[in-house]
C-alpha cells in the first residue's frame, strides 16, 4: 500500500491526472463492504492533508462502520458530464482506509470545521490506481494502471 505522496512520486503524470479528476467534482462514489461481504456504494468527498488523500464521514455512517470493520475500499471519481470527459480520463482507486488518530482528527476538525466534530476521518492507502480514456484518434480505449512497486502499465482496447 502507498500513501498519496508515494503514488505521486512513483507515477507523477498519472497522479496529476487522477488528482485533476478528483478535484474537478466535489462528490464521488465510494464502495465499501457490508458485514455480509456484499458491496455498498455511498457518496463521498475527498481531500488532501499533507502526504495523504483522506475522506471524512458523518458519525457512525454506514460507510464509516463498513471501513472500521473491513478497510478495503474502491473509489470512482465523478466523471462529470460527457462534455467534461472529452479528452479526460475516468479514474478509479482501490486500497485500504485507515481511521486517523484522535490527535489528527482534532487537528482536522479545527482546520476544516465539519458540521459535526464527531465525524470520522480516514487516510486512504492506495493499492491500485486506474485511468481509462479514449485515444486521441478516438479509435480505442487507453487504460493505465499503477500498483505500488509495480509501476504503471498501459493497455489499449479496440
C-alpha atoms as a PDB file:
ATOM      1  CA  UNK A   1       0.000   0.000   0.000  1.00  0.00           C
ATOM      2  CA  UNK A   2       1.097   3.542  -0.623  1.00  0.00           C
ATOM      3  CA  UNK A   3       0.218   6.999   0.562  1.00  0.00           C
ATOM      4  CA  UNK A   4      -0.912   9.544  -1.981  1.00  0.00           C
ATOM      5  CA  UNK A   5       2.558  11.101  -1.860  1.00  0.00           C
ATOM      6  CA  UNK A   6       4.239   7.780  -2.654  1.00  0.00           C
ATOM      7  CA  UNK A   7       1.879   7.291  -5.604  1.00  0.00           C
ATOM      8  CA  UNK A   8       2.623  10.832  -6.821  1.00  0.00           C
ATOM      9  CA  UNK A   9       6.380  10.236  -6.545  1.00  0.00           C
ATOM     10  CA  UNK A  10       6.256   6.897  -8.383  1.00  0.00           C
ATOM     11  CA  UNK A  11       3.816   7.970 -11.109  1.00  0.00           C
ATOM     12  CA  UNK A  12       3.726  11.792 -11.220  1.00  0.00           C
ATOM     13  CA  UNK A  13       1.942  12.133 -14.584  1.00  0.00           C
ATOM     14  CA  UNK A  14      -0.766   9.663 -13.687  1.00  0.00           C
ATOM     15  CA  UNK A  15      -1.179  11.088 -10.169  1.00  0.00           C
ATOM     16  CA  UNK A  16      -1.659  14.544 -11.687  1.00  0.00           C
ATOM     17  CA  UNK A  17      -4.440  13.174 -13.948  1.00  0.00           C
ATOM     18  CA  UNK A  18      -6.094  11.410 -11.022  1.00  0.00           C
ATOM     19  CA  UNK A  19      -5.899  14.470  -8.786  1.00  0.00           C
ATOM     20  CA  UNK A  20      -7.314  16.720 -11.513  1.00  0.00           C
ATOM     21  CA  UNK A  21     -10.315  14.416 -11.950  1.00  0.00           C
ATOM     22  CA  UNK A  22     -10.883  14.188  -8.175  1.00  0.00           C
ATOM     23  CA  UNK A  23     -10.679  17.977  -7.848  1.00  0.00           C
ATOM     24  CA  UNK A  24     -12.990  18.568 -10.835  1.00  0.00           C
ATOM     25  CA  UNK A  25     -16.033  17.453  -8.810  1.00  0.00           C
ATOM     26  CA  UNK A  26     -16.854  17.576  -5.147  1.00  0.00           C
ATOM     27  CA  UNK A  27     -18.784  14.294  -4.992  1.00  0.00           C
ATOM     28  CA  UNK A  28     -17.503  10.808  -5.853  1.00  0.00           C
ATOM     29  CA  UNK A  29     -18.645   7.212  -5.322  1.00  0.00           C
ATOM     30  CA  UNK A  30     -17.123   5.045  -2.601  1.00  0.00           C
ATOM     31  CA  UNK A  31     -17.591   1.276  -2.485  1.00  0.00           C
ATOM     32  CA  UNK A  32     -17.226  -0.499   0.865  1.00  0.00           C
ATOM     33  CA  UNK A  33     -18.073  -3.984   2.092  1.00  0.00           C
ATOM     34  CA  UNK A  34     -21.091  -4.719   4.279  1.00  0.00           C
ATOM     35  CA  UNK A  35     -20.875  -7.158   7.179  1.00  0.00           C
ATOM     36  CA  UNK A  36     -22.076  -9.996   4.900  1.00  0.00           C
ATOM     37  CA  UNK A  37     -19.416  -9.142   2.287  1.00  0.00           C
ATOM     38  CA  UNK A  38     -21.783  -7.612  -0.248  1.00  0.00           C
ATOM     39  CA  UNK A  39     -20.857  -4.237  -1.732  1.00  0.00           C
ATOM     40  CA  UNK A  40     -22.283  -0.910  -0.612  1.00  0.00           C
ATOM     41  CA  UNK A  41     -21.848   2.333  -2.574  1.00  0.00           C
ATOM     42  CA  UNK A  42     -22.012   5.745  -0.944  1.00  0.00           C
ATOM     43  CA  UNK A  43     -21.392   9.291  -1.991  1.00  0.00           C
ATOM     44  CA  UNK A  44     -18.221  10.806  -0.567  1.00  0.00           C
ATOM     45  CA  UNK A  45     -15.853  13.740  -0.755  1.00  0.00           C
ATOM     46  CA  UNK A  46     -12.059  13.536  -0.654  1.00  0.00           C
ATOM     47  CA  UNK A  47      -9.294  15.989   0.229  1.00  0.00           C
ATOM     48  CA  UNK A  48      -5.536  16.102   0.680  1.00  0.00           C
ATOM     49  CA  UNK A  49      -3.866  16.506   4.086  1.00  0.00           C
ATOM     50  CA  UNK A  50      -0.094  16.600   3.783  1.00  0.00           C
ATOM     51  CA  UNK A  51       1.049  13.421   2.017  1.00  0.00           C
ATOM     52  CA  UNK A  52      -2.369  11.765   2.301  1.00  0.00           C
ATOM     53  CA  UNK A  53      -5.630  11.504   0.428  1.00  0.00           C
ATOM     54  CA  UNK A  54      -8.416  11.444   3.030  1.00  0.00           C
ATOM     55  CA  UNK A  55     -12.167  11.156   3.287  1.00  0.00           C
ATOM     56  CA  UNK A  56     -14.483  12.047   6.099  1.00  0.00           C
ATOM     57  CA  UNK A  57     -17.928  10.869   7.054  1.00  0.00           C
ATOM     58  CA  UNK A  58     -20.719  11.639   9.475  1.00  0.00           C
ATOM     59  CA  UNK A  59     -20.668   9.933  12.884  1.00  0.00           C
ATOM     60  CA  UNK A  60     -21.421   6.213  12.628  1.00  0.00           C
ATOM     61  CA  UNK A  61     -22.410   6.426   8.951  1.00  0.00           C
ATOM     62  CA  UNK A  62     -22.712   3.079   7.191  1.00  0.00           C
ATOM     63  CA  UNK A  63     -19.551   3.741   5.157  1.00  0.00           C
ATOM     64  CA  UNK A  64     -17.574   4.572   8.321  1.00  0.00           C
ATOM     65  CA  UNK A  65     -18.794   1.444  10.095  1.00  0.00           C
ATOM     66  CA  UNK A  66     -18.003  -0.618   6.991  1.00  0.00           C
ATOM     67  CA  UNK A  67     -14.450   0.800   6.814  1.00  0.00           C
ATOM     68  CA  UNK A  68     -13.854   0.294  10.533  1.00  0.00           C
ATOM     69  CA  UNK A  69     -14.802  -3.374  10.141  1.00  0.00           C
ATOM     70  CA  UNK A  70     -13.143  -4.026   6.753  1.00  0.00           C
ATOM     71  CA  UNK A  71     -10.801  -1.323   5.494  1.00  0.00           C
ATOM     72  CA  UNK A  72     -10.967  -2.261   1.807  1.00  0.00           C
ATOM     73  CA  UNK A  73     -12.468   0.357  -0.488  1.00  0.00           C
ATOM     74  CA  UNK A  74     -12.861   1.326  -4.117  1.00  0.00           C
ATOM     75  CA  UNK A  75     -13.324   4.950  -5.135  1.00  0.00           C
ATOM     76  CA  UNK A  76     -14.728   6.020  -8.503  1.00  0.00           C
ATOM     77  CA  UNK A  77     -14.155   9.684  -9.304  1.00  0.00           C
ATOM     78  CA  UNK A  78     -17.166  11.547 -10.599  1.00  0.00           C
ATOM     79  CA  UNK A  79     -16.670  11.536 -14.376  1.00  0.00           C
ATOM     80  CA  UNK A  80     -18.759  14.668 -14.847  1.00  0.00           C
ATOM     81  CA  UNK A  81     -20.826  15.227 -17.948  1.00  0.00           C
ATOM     82  CA  UNK A  82     -19.913  13.668 -21.312  1.00  0.00           C
ATOM     83  CA  UNK A  83     -18.524  17.048 -22.359  1.00  0.00           C
ATOM     84  CA  UNK A  84     -16.199  17.018 -19.330  1.00  0.00           C
ATOM     85  CA  UNK A  85     -14.876  13.598 -20.314  1.00  0.00           C
ATOM     86  CA  UNK A  86     -13.845  14.580 -23.827  1.00  0.00           C
ATOM     87  CA  UNK A  87     -10.080  14.391 -23.633  1.00  0.00           C
ATOM     88  CA  UNK A  88     -10.251  13.470 -19.958  1.00  0.00           C
ATOM     89  CA  UNK A  89      -9.961  10.184 -18.123  1.00  0.00           C
ATOM     90  CA  UNK A  90     -12.178   8.081 -15.902  1.00  0.00           C
ATOM     91  CA  UNK A  91     -10.471   7.441 -12.539  1.00  0.00           C
ATOM     92  CA  UNK A  92     -10.705   4.591 -10.053  1.00  0.00           C
ATOM     93  CA  UNK A  93      -8.660   3.963  -6.895  1.00  0.00           C
ATOM     94  CA  UNK A  94      -8.598   0.942  -4.612  1.00  0.00           C
ATOM     95  CA  UNK A  95      -6.915   0.264  -1.315  1.00  0.00           C
ATOM     96  CA  UNK A  96      -7.416   0.322   2.421  1.00  0.00           C
ATOM     97  CA  UNK A  97      -8.798   3.127   4.573  1.00  0.00           C
ATOM     98  CA  UNK A  98      -7.184   3.742   7.950  1.00  0.00           C
ATOM     99  CA  UNK A  99      -9.024   5.831  10.540  1.00  0.00           C
ATOM    100  CA  UNK A 100      -6.694   8.569  11.770  1.00  0.00           C
ATOM    101  CA  UNK A 101      -5.622   9.053  15.381  1.00  0.00           C
ATOM    102  CA  UNK A 102      -7.602  11.222  17.779  1.00  0.00           C
ATOM    103  CA  UNK A 103      -4.957  13.987  17.605  1.00  0.00           C
ATOM    104  CA  UNK A 104      -5.057  14.041  13.799  1.00  0.00           C
ATOM    105  CA  UNK A 105      -8.851  14.064  13.967  1.00  0.00           C
ATOM    106  CA  UNK A 106      -8.857  17.099  16.296  1.00  0.00           C
ATOM    107  CA  UNK A 107      -6.431  18.985  14.016  1.00  0.00           C
ATOM    108  CA  UNK A 108      -8.651  18.203  11.024  1.00  0.00           C
ATOM    109  CA  UNK A 109     -11.785  19.359  12.867  1.00  0.00           C
ATOM    110  CA  UNK A 110     -10.026  22.608  13.874  1.00  0.00           C
ATOM    111  CA  UNK A 111      -8.945  23.225  10.280  1.00  0.00           C
ATOM    112  CA  UNK A 112     -11.964  22.073   8.249  1.00  0.00           C
ATOM    113  CA  UNK A 113     -14.763  22.721  10.761  1.00  0.00           C
ATOM    114  CA  UNK A 114     -17.056  19.896   9.581  1.00  0.00           C
ATOM    115  CA  UNK A 115     -20.772  20.007  10.500  1.00  0.00           C
ATOM    116  CA  UNK A 116     -20.131  17.565  13.354  1.00  0.00           C
ATOM    117  CA  UNK A 117     -16.984  17.409  15.465  1.00  0.00           C
ATOM    118  CA  UNK A 118     -17.675  13.703  15.937  1.00  0.00           C
ATOM    119  CA  UNK A 119     -17.180  12.874  12.273  1.00  0.00           C
ATOM    120  CA  UNK A 120     -14.751  10.209  11.081  1.00  0.00           C
ATOM    121  CA  UNK A 121     -11.588  10.816   9.070  1.00  0.00           C
ATOM    122  CA  UNK A 122      -9.870   8.080   7.065  1.00  0.00           C
ATOM    123  CA  UNK A 123      -6.471   8.104   5.361  1.00  0.00           C
ATOM    124  CA  UNK A 124      -6.617   6.260   2.027  1.00  0.00           C
ATOM    125  CA  UNK A 125      -3.723   3.896   1.368  1.00  0.00           C
ATOM    126  CA  UNK A 126      -3.661   3.097  -2.316  1.00  0.00           C
ATOM    127  CA  UNK A 127      -3.111  -0.383  -3.736  1.00  0.00           C
ATOM    128  CA  UNK A 128      -4.206   0.395  -7.288  1.00  0.00           C
ATOM    129  CA  UNK A 129      -5.000   3.392  -9.473  1.00  0.00           C
ATOM    130  CA  UNK A 130      -6.606   3.121 -12.894  1.00  0.00           C
ATOM    131  CA  UNK A 131      -7.342   5.694 -15.566  1.00  0.00           C
ATOM    132  CA  UNK A 132      -9.404   4.943 -18.656  1.00  0.00           C
ATOM    133  CA  UNK A 133      -9.682   7.306 -21.598  1.00  0.00           C
ATOM    134  CA  UNK A 134     -10.212   7.380 -25.328  1.00  0.00           C
ATOM    135  CA  UNK A 135      -7.216   7.671 -27.646  1.00  0.00           C
ATOM    136  CA  UNK A 136      -6.618  10.966 -29.430  1.00  0.00           C
ATOM    137  CA  UNK A 137      -7.764   9.446 -32.727  1.00  0.00           C
ATOM    138  CA  UNK A 138     -10.917   8.091 -30.994  1.00  0.00           C
ATOM    139  CA  UNK A 139     -10.228   4.519 -32.168  1.00  0.00           C
ATOM    140  CA  UNK A 140      -9.553   2.700 -28.892  1.00  0.00           C
ATOM    141  CA  UNK A 141      -9.535   2.897 -25.108  1.00  0.00           C
ATOM    142  CA  UNK A 142      -6.305   3.610 -23.268  1.00  0.00           C
ATOM    143  CA  UNK A 143      -6.210   2.027 -19.808  1.00  0.00           C
ATOM    144  CA  UNK A 144      -3.354   2.811 -17.450  1.00  0.00           C
ATOM    145  CA  UNK A 145      -2.913   1.064 -14.107  1.00  0.00           C
ATOM    146  CA  UNK A 146      -0.478   1.666 -11.277  1.00  0.00           C
ATOM    147  CA  UNK A 147       0.363  -0.515  -8.301  1.00  0.00           C
ATOM    148  CA  UNK A 148       2.917   0.121  -5.534  1.00  0.00           C
ATOM    149  CA  UNK A 149       6.277  -1.196  -6.656  1.00  0.00           C
ATOM    150  CA  UNK A 150       4.744  -2.415  -9.922  1.00  0.00           C
ATOM    151  CA  UNK A 151       4.819   0.936 -11.679  1.00  0.00           C
ATOM    152  CA  UNK A 152       2.442   1.891 -14.451  1.00  0.00           C
ATOM    153  CA  UNK A 153       1.247  -0.301 -17.295  1.00  0.00           C
ATOM    154  CA  UNK A 154      -0.769   0.872 -20.261  1.00  0.00           C
ATOM    155  CA  UNK A 155      -3.170  -1.263 -22.279  1.00  0.00           C
ATOM    156  CA  UNK A 156      -5.110  -0.471 -25.446  1.00  0.00           C
ATOM    157  CA  UNK A 157      -8.550  -1.915 -26.169  1.00  0.00           C
ATOM    158  CA  UNK A 158     -10.320  -1.629 -29.505  1.00  0.00           C
END
